[in-house]
Every structure is written in structure tokens, then in C-alpha cells.
Amino acid sequence: MRFSFSIRRRWEAVKAVERSEPSGQIVGAVERSFTGIATLWRYDRLVKYQERATPVVGAVLWQRKLDSAPVGTPIMPDGCLDLLWDGNRVFVAGPDTAVRWHRSPAGTTYVALRFSGGLGLTLLGVPADELRDRTANLEELWPGRQVRVLTEQVAVHPAAVLEAWVV
């Protein structure tokens, strides 16, 4: 069974969090299928996670859905930049240098592109230091008209539009 380097790195990061949990409580576990779908269990809630490669080397399309009550989720530093849609807005999560915690409302679905190797910074036209360890609304980085057009399109078909945008 083969999985992308990104899934493997994230799984290794989850295992590291499990080992570092002071209470000794298991933080999560990942089940993977032959289709490449990864399902992350965290405490008593189900988080569905799926990723697949795009035609562009260094860009991965991923989707994540939280089915139950919000609980903090660790975001592991992977050096990647993500362009995300959360059902309301398009925003950018810059490369992280440390673990940070994120809370999402129950039922939230994220559809996003993850860029490695500086690709996202190049495509967005933003210097790395502007986004390191921060999350920014796309309006902060691009002209309002461009953001409105992309947001309107992504709202209709998130995965298809984001993948078309990167190609």
C-alpha cells in the first residue's frame, strides 16, 4: 500500500503528539484504505480526511470534515502553505515552524490545496515571511475583485475550482 509523503509525515507527526501527550491519553489514530482515503479518529469524534495529488508537482488537494463537537486539533509544522475554503471564505495558512492548535465548529468541511517547496508562495505572489506562522484572509494578500471572483467560483464547486486554479 502506497501513500503520499504528506500523509506519512502527518501520521508520523500525530504519533509524535501521542507520545508527547502529558496525560498519556492517545490523541489520535489513522486508518487508511487502498483508495488513499485517510480517516483520523480523535478522542470521541470522527474527522474524515482525504488527500490526492494534483497534476502540478508539489500541490495536493485535501478535504477534511469534522462530524462532531469541536475539539482542539494540533496543526503540525510541515513547511507547506495551504489555500483553504471553509464554506464561507478563502484563506491562506502559511508555513508553520511550531505546532499550533485549531478549533473548528462541528460540521465544518475544509477543501484546500497544500503547496510544498515554495510553490504556494510563488503562485500567490507573496513573500514567505508575510505568511510564516500565520493564517491570513486572501483579501489581505490579493486585490478584492480577484478574491471575490475566486470565492464565488469556489463556493459552487470547491475541489474542482481549486484544482483548476492551480493548473
Foldseek 3Di string as FASTA:
>chain_A
DDEDPVVVVVQVVLVVVCVVPPVNDRQWDWDADPVQWIWIDGDPWTKTKHWDDAPDPQKIKMKIATADAKDKDKDAADQKKKFKDFLQATKIAAGEPGIDIDIDGHGTMMIIMIGHDCPVCVLLVHDRVVRYRHMGGSVVRDPPVVRVVLNVVCNVPVNVSRSVSSD
